[in-house]
Amino acid sequence: MTEWRKSSYSGGMNDDACVEVARLVEGVAVRDSKNPDGDRLNISRTEFAELVQRVKRGELDL
């Protein structure tokens, strides 16, 4: 079974306005917490680390 996690900044377990991540054997999965049965993005650990760094630097701010 895949264990999905939300950021502690998301407002807790009842906050559905967030993305969730799960550790996979082959990398990391990302999904929309508002649609847990929907599509998910599977990326490598390296790609996930790069994504996190870009978010922290504000490169993806809208």
PDB file of N, CA and C in Angstrom:
ATOM      1  N   MET A   1       0.842  -1.191   0.000  1.00  0.00           N
ATOM      2  CA  MET A   1       0.000   0.000   0.000  1.00  0.00           C
ATOM      3  C   MET A   1       0.882   1.248   0.000  1.00  0.00           C
ATOM      4  N   THR A   2       0.518   2.205  -0.802  1.00  0.00           N
ATOM      5  CA  THR A   2       1.262   3.454  -0.902  1.00  0.00           C
ATOM      6  C   THR A   2       0.872   4.380   0.238  1.00  0.00           C
ATOM      7  N   GLU A   3       1.874   4.937   0.916  1.00  0.00           N
ATOM      8  CA  GLU A   3       1.626   5.865   2.019  1.00  0.00           C
ATOM      9  C   GLU A   3       1.805   7.297   1.511  1.00  0.00           C
ATOM     10  N   TRP A   4       0.709   8.025   1.439  1.00  0.00           N
ATOM     11  CA  TRP A   4       0.728   9.405   0.957  1.00  0.00           C
ATOM     12  C   TRP A   4       0.929  10.351   2.116  1.00  0.00           C
ATOM     13  N   ARG A   5       1.689  11.427   1.893  1.00  0.00           N
ATOM     14  CA  ARG A   5       1.977  12.412   2.937  1.00  0.00           C
ATOM     15  C   ARG A   5       1.700  13.812   2.421  1.00  0.00           C
ATOM     16  N   LYS A   6       1.243  14.666   3.336  1.00  0.00           N
ATOM     17  CA  LYS A   6       1.036  16.084   3.044  1.00  0.00           C
ATOM     18  C   LYS A   6       2.046  16.892   3.839  1.00  0.00           C
ATOM     19  N   SER A   7       2.334  18.064   3.367  1.00  0.00           N
ATOM     20  CA  SER A   7       3.200  18.978   4.091  1.00  0.00           C
ATOM     21  C   SER A   7       2.547  19.392   5.402  1.00  0.00           C
ATOM     22  N   SER A   8       3.368  19.601   6.415  1.00  0.00           N
ATOM     23  CA  SER A   8       2.833  20.089   7.692  1.00  0.00           C
ATOM     24  C   SER A   8       2.301  21.511   7.548  1.00  0.00           C
ATOM     25  N   TYR A   9       2.662  22.209   6.478  1.00  0.00           N
ATOM     26  CA  TYR A   9       2.172  23.566   6.223  1.00  0.00           C
ATOM     27  C   TYR A   9       0.794  23.574   5.570  1.00  0.00           C
ATOM     28  N   SER A  10       0.265  22.416   5.236  1.00  0.00           N
ATOM     29  CA  SER A  10      -1.006  22.357   4.509  1.00  0.00           C
ATOM     30  C   SER A  10      -2.215  22.625   5.388  1.00  0.00           C
ATOM     31  N   GLY A  11      -2.065  22.636   6.679  1.00  0.00           N
ATOM     32  CA  GLY A  11      -3.182  22.909   7.561  1.00  0.00           C
ATOM     33  C   GLY A  11      -3.735  21.661   8.222  1.00  0.00           C
ATOM     34  N   GLY A  12      -3.086  20.536   8.054  1.00  0.00           N
ATOM     35  CA  GLY A  12      -3.510  19.318   8.729  1.00  0.00           C
ATOM     36  C   GLY A  12      -4.189  18.326   7.823  1.00  0.00           C
ATOM     37  N   MET A  13      -4.617  17.244   8.396  1.00  0.00           N
ATOM     38  CA  MET A  13      -5.189  16.129   7.645  1.00  0.00           C
ATOM     39  C   MET A  13      -6.520  16.476   6.989  1.00  0.00           C
ATOM     40  N   ASN A  14      -7.234  17.487   7.498  1.00  0.00           N
ATOM     41  CA  ASN A  14      -8.541  17.829   6.948  1.00  0.00           C
ATOM     42  C   ASN A  14      -8.466  18.865   5.828  1.00  0.00           C
ATOM     43  N   ASP A  15      -7.284  19.393   5.562  1.00  0.00           N
ATOM     44  CA  ASP A  15      -7.099  20.382   4.506  1.00  0.00           C
ATOM     45  C   ASP A  15      -6.861  19.652   3.196  1.00  0.00           C
ATOM     46  N   ASP A  16      -7.771  19.825   2.228  1.00  0.00           N
ATOM     47  CA  ASP A  16      -7.626  19.102   0.967  1.00  0.00           C
ATOM     48  C   ASP A  16      -7.035  19.968  -0.134  1.00  0.00           C
ATOM     49  N   ALA A  17      -6.648  21.192   0.161  1.00  0.00           N
ATOM     50  CA  ALA A  17      -6.075  22.087  -0.840  1.00  0.00           C
ATOM     51  C   ALA A  17      -4.556  21.955  -0.843  1.00  0.00           C
ATOM     52  N   CYS A  18      -4.091  20.808  -1.242  1.00  0.00           N
ATOM     53  CA  CYS A  18      -2.666  20.525  -1.140  1.00  0.00           C
ATOM     54  C   CYS A  18      -2.297  19.417  -2.114  1.00  0.00           C
ATOM     55  N   VAL A  19      -1.013  19.266  -2.349  1.00  0.00           N
ATOM     56  CA  VAL A  19      -0.535  18.090  -3.062  1.00  0.00           C
ATOM     57  C   VAL A  19      -0.017  17.106  -2.030  1.00  0.00           C
ATOM     58  N   GLU A  20       0.002  15.858  -2.404  1.00  0.00           N
ATOM     59  CA  GLU A  20       0.526  14.814  -1.536  1.00  0.00           C
ATOM     60  C   GLU A  20       1.639  14.089  -2.277  1.00  0.00           C
ATOM     61  N   VAL A  21       2.584  13.565  -1.527  1.00  0.00           N
ATOM     62  CA  VAL A  21       3.688  12.816  -2.122  1.00  0.00           C
ATOM     63  C   VAL A  21       3.777  11.444  -1.472  1.00  0.00           C
ATOM     64  N   ALA A  22       4.314  10.504  -2.237  1.00  0.00           N
ATOM     65  CA  ALA A  22       4.513   9.147  -1.727  1.00  0.00           C
ATOM     66  C   ALA A  22       5.855   8.634  -2.231  1.00  0.00           C
ATOM     67  N   ARG A  23       6.561   7.945  -1.371  1.00  0.00           N
ATOM     68  CA  ARG A  23       7.821   7.323  -1.759  1.00  0.00           C
ATOM     69  C   ARG A  23       7.528   6.024  -2.490  1.00  0.00           C
ATOM     70  N   LEU A  24       8.131   5.867  -3.649  1.00  0.00           N
ATOM     71  CA  LEU A  24       8.001   4.656  -4.436  1.00  0.00           C
ATOM     72  C   LEU A  24       9.365   3.993  -4.565  1.00  0.00           C
ATOM     73  N   VAL A  25       9.384   2.743  -4.923  1.00  0.00           N
ATOM     74  CA  VAL A  25      10.648   2.050  -5.146  1.00  0.00           C
ATOM     75  C   VAL A  25      11.459   2.776  -6.214  1.00  0.00           C
ATOM     76  N   GLU A  26      10.784   3.186  -7.284  1.00  0.00           N
ATOM     77  CA  GLU A  26      11.472   3.795  -8.411  1.00  0.00           C
ATOM     78  C   GLU A  26      11.502   5.316  -8.385  1.00  0.00           C
ATOM     79  N   GLY A  27      11.001   5.954  -7.341  1.00  0.00           N
ATOM     80  CA  GLY A  27      11.024   7.409  -7.268  1.00  0.00           C
ATOM     81  C   GLY A  27       9.994   7.964  -6.315  1.00  0.00           C
ATOM     82  N   VAL A  28       9.297   9.002  -6.768  1.00  0.00           N
ATOM     83  CA  VAL A  28       8.321   9.709  -5.943  1.00  0.00           C
ATOM     84  C   VAL A  28       7.051   9.910  -6.769  1.00  0.00           C
ATOM     85  N   ALA A  29       5.900   9.762  -6.133  1.00  0.00           N
ATOM     86  CA  ALA A  29       4.618  10.032  -6.766  1.00  0.00           C
ATOM     87  C   ALA A  29       4.034  11.302  -6.160  1.00  0.00           C
ATOM     88  N   VAL A  30       3.385  12.103  -6.998  1.00  0.00           N
ATOM     89  CA  VAL A  30       2.748  13.345  -6.561  1.00  0.00           C
ATOM     90  C   VAL A  30       1.311  13.313  -7.053  1.00  0.00           C
ATOM     91  N   ARG A  31       0.368  13.687  -6.184  1.00  0.00           N
ATOM     92  CA  ARG A  31      -1.041  13.735  -6.584  1.00  0.00           C
ATOM     93  C   ARG A  31      -1.733  14.923  -5.939  1.00  0.00           C
ATOM     94  N   ASP A  32      -2.876  15.272  -6.473  1.00  0.00           N
ATOM     95  CA  ASP A  32      -3.725  16.350  -5.952  1.00  0.00           C
ATOM     96  C   ASP A  32      -4.569  15.772  -4.819  1.00  0.00           C
ATOM     97  N   SER A  33      -4.469  16.351  -3.650  1.00  0.00           N
ATOM     98  CA  SER A  33      -5.215  15.811  -2.505  1.00  0.00           C
ATOM     99  C   SER A  33      -6.721  15.952  -2.666  1.00  0.00           C
ATOM    100  N   LYS A  34      -7.175  16.870  -3.539  1.00  0.00           N
ATOM    101  CA  LYS A  34      -8.612  17.017  -3.776  1.00  0.00           C
ATOM    102  C   LYS A  34      -9.157  15.907  -4.663  1.00  0.00           C
ATOM    103  N   ASN A  35      -8.250  15.184  -5.348  1.00  0.00           N
ATOM    104  CA  ASN A  35      -8.660  14.113  -6.252  1.00  0.00           C
ATOM    105  C   ASN A  35      -7.725  12.913  -6.070  1.00  0.00           C
ATOM    106  N   PRO A  36      -7.791  12.266  -4.902  1.00  0.00           N
ATOM    107  CA  PRO A  36      -6.836  11.202  -4.594  1.00  0.00           C
ATOM    108  C   PRO A  36      -6.927   9.991  -5.516  1.00  0.00           C
ATOM    109  N   ASP A  37      -8.046   9.798  -6.188  1.00  0.00           N
ATOM    110  CA  ASP A  37      -8.175   8.677  -7.113  1.00  0.00           C
ATOM    111  C   ASP A  37      -7.836   9.058  -8.550  1.00  0.00           C
ATOM    112  N   GLY A  38      -7.464  10.322  -8.755  1.00  0.00           N
ATOM    113  CA  GLY A  38      -7.145  10.803 -10.090  1.00  0.00           C
ATOM    114  C   GLY A  38      -5.718  10.456 -10.498  1.00  0.00           C
ATOM    115  N   ASP A  39      -5.269  11.135 -11.519  1.00  0.00           N
ATOM    116  CA  ASP A  39      -3.931  10.903 -12.039  1.00  0.00           C
ATOM    117  C   ASP A  39      -2.874  11.280 -11.013  1.00  0.00           C
ATOM    118  N   ARG A  40      -1.707  10.679 -11.195  1.00  0.00           N
ATOM    119  CA  ARG A  40      -0.575  11.044 -10.359  1.00  0.00           C
ATOM    120  C   ARG A  40       0.649  11.168 -11.248  1.00  0.00           C
ATOM    121  N   LEU A  41       1.582  11.948 -10.787  1.00  0.00           N
ATOM    122  CA  LEU A  41       2.827  12.177 -11.497  1.00  0.00           C
ATOM    123  C   LEU A  41       3.917  11.362 -10.816  1.00  0.00           C
ATOM    124  N   ASN A  42       4.569  10.485 -11.548  1.00  0.00           N
ATOM    125  CA  ASN A  42       5.675   9.698 -11.014  1.00  0.00           C
ATOM    126  C   ASN A  42       6.974  10.273 -11.562  1.00  0.00           C
ATOM    127  N   ILE A  43       7.874  10.663 -10.660  1.00  0.00           N
ATOM    128  CA  ILE A  43       9.149  11.242 -11.069  1.00  0.00           C
ATOM    129  C   ILE A  43      10.279  10.602 -10.266  1.00  0.00           C
ATOM    130  N   SER A  44      11.483  10.766 -10.768  1.00  0.00           N
ATOM    131  CA  SER A  44      12.644  10.214 -10.061  1.00  0.00           C
ATOM    132  C   SER A  44      12.924  11.034  -8.800  1.00  0.00           C
ATOM    133  N   ARG A  45      13.705  10.485  -7.914  1.00  0.00           N
ATOM    134  CA  ARG A  45      14.078  11.223  -6.695  1.00  0.00           C
ATOM    135  C   ARG A  45      14.887  12.472  -7.048  1.00  0.00           C
ATOM    136  N   THR A  46      15.726  12.369  -8.065  1.00  0.00           N
ATOM    137  CA  THR A  46      16.516  13.519  -8.505  1.00  0.00           C
ATOM    138  C   THR A  46      15.606  14.628  -9.026  1.00  0.00           C
ATOM    139  N   GLU A  47      14.637  14.267  -9.845  1.00  0.00           N
ATOM    140  CA  GLU A  47      13.690  15.260 -10.376  1.00  0.00           C
ATOM    141  C   GLU A  47      12.876  15.891  -9.249  1.00  0.00           C
ATOM    142  N   PHE A  48      12.487  15.088  -8.260  1.00  0.00           N
ATOM    143  CA  PHE A  48      11.712  15.619  -7.141  1.00  0.00           C
ATOM    144  C   PHE A  48      12.560  16.609  -6.336  1.00  0.00           C
ATOM    145  N   ALA A  49      13.815  16.265  -6.085  1.00  0.00           N
ATOM    146  CA  ALA A  49      14.705  17.161  -5.345  1.00  0.00           C
ATOM    147  C   ALA A  49      14.884  18.479  -6.093  1.00  0.00           C
ATOM    148  N   GLU A  50      15.017  18.406  -7.419  1.00  0.00           N
ATOM    149  CA  GLU A  50      15.134  19.624  -8.227  1.00  0.00           C
ATOM    150  C   GLU A  50      13.860  20.452  -8.159  1.00  0.00           C
ATOM    151  N   LEU A  51      12.710  19.803  -8.186  1.00  0.00           N
ATOM    152  CA  LEU A  51      11.429  20.500  -8.075  1.00  0.00           C
ATOM    153  C   LEU A  51      11.329  21.229  -6.736  1.00  0.00           C
ATOM    154  N   VAL A  52      11.671  20.562  -5.669  1.00  0.00           N
ATOM    155  CA  VAL A  52      11.616  21.176  -4.334  1.00  0.00           C
ATOM    156  C   VAL A  52      12.534  22.392  -4.268  1.00  0.00           C
ATOM    157  N   GLN A  53      13.733  22.292  -4.818  1.00  0.00           N
ATOM    158  CA  GLN A  53      14.658  23.423  -4.814  1.00  0.00           C
ATOM    159  C   GLN A  53      14.106  24.604  -5.608  1.00  0.00           C
ATOM    160  N   ARG A  54      13.491  24.332  -6.745  1.00  0.00           N
ATOM    161  CA  ARG A  54      12.896  25.404  -7.549  1.00  0.00           C
ATOM    162  C   ARG A  54      11.747  26.080  -6.806  1.00  0.00           C
ATOM    163  N   VAL A  55      10.931  25.298  -6.110  1.00  0.00           N
ATOM    164  CA  VAL A  55       9.839  25.876  -5.312  1.00  0.00           C
ATOM    165  C   VAL A  55      10.412  26.750  -4.205  1.00  0.00           C
ATOM    166  N   LYS A  56      11.436  26.269  -3.511  1.00  0.00           N
ATOM    167  CA  LYS A  56      12.046  27.040  -2.425  1.00  0.00           C
ATOM    168  C   LYS A  56      12.651  28.359  -2.920  1.00  0.00           C
ATOM    169  N   ARG A  57      13.182  28.355  -4.133  1.00  0.00           N
ATOM    170  CA  ARG A  57      13.779  29.582  -4.701  1.00  0.00           C
ATOM    171  C   ARG A  57      12.723  30.513  -5.277  1.00  0.00           C
ATOM    172  N   GLY A  58      11.463  30.080  -5.316  1.00  0.00           N
ATOM    173  CA  GLY A  58      10.383  30.923  -5.826  1.00  0.00           C
ATOM    174  C   GLY A  58      10.294  30.943  -7.337  1.00  0.00           C
ATOM    175  N   GLU A  59      10.969  30.023  -8.004  1.00  0.00           N
ATOM    176  CA  GLU A  59      10.973  30.010  -9.464  1.00  0.00           C
ATOM    177  C   GLU A  59       9.627  29.626 -10.068  1.00  0.00           C
ATOM    178  N   LEU A  60       8.762  29.009  -9.299  1.00  0.00           N
ATOM    179  CA  LEU A  60       7.490  28.525  -9.823  1.00  0.00           C
ATOM    180  C   LEU A  60       6.290  29.295  -9.278  1.00  0.00           C
ATOM    181  N   ASP A  61       6.568  30.408  -8.585  1.00  0.00           N
ATOM    182  CA  ASP A  61       5.474  31.227  -8.052  1.00  0.00           C
ATOM    183  C   ASP A  61       4.626  31.790  -9.188  1.00  0.00           C
ATOM    184  N   LEU A  62       3.339  31.847  -8.947  1.00  0.00           N
ATOM    185  CA  LEU A  62       2.434  32.417  -9.951  1.00  0.00           C
ATOM    186  C   LEU A  62       2.299  33.903  -9.775  1.00  0.00           C
TER     187      LEU A  62
END
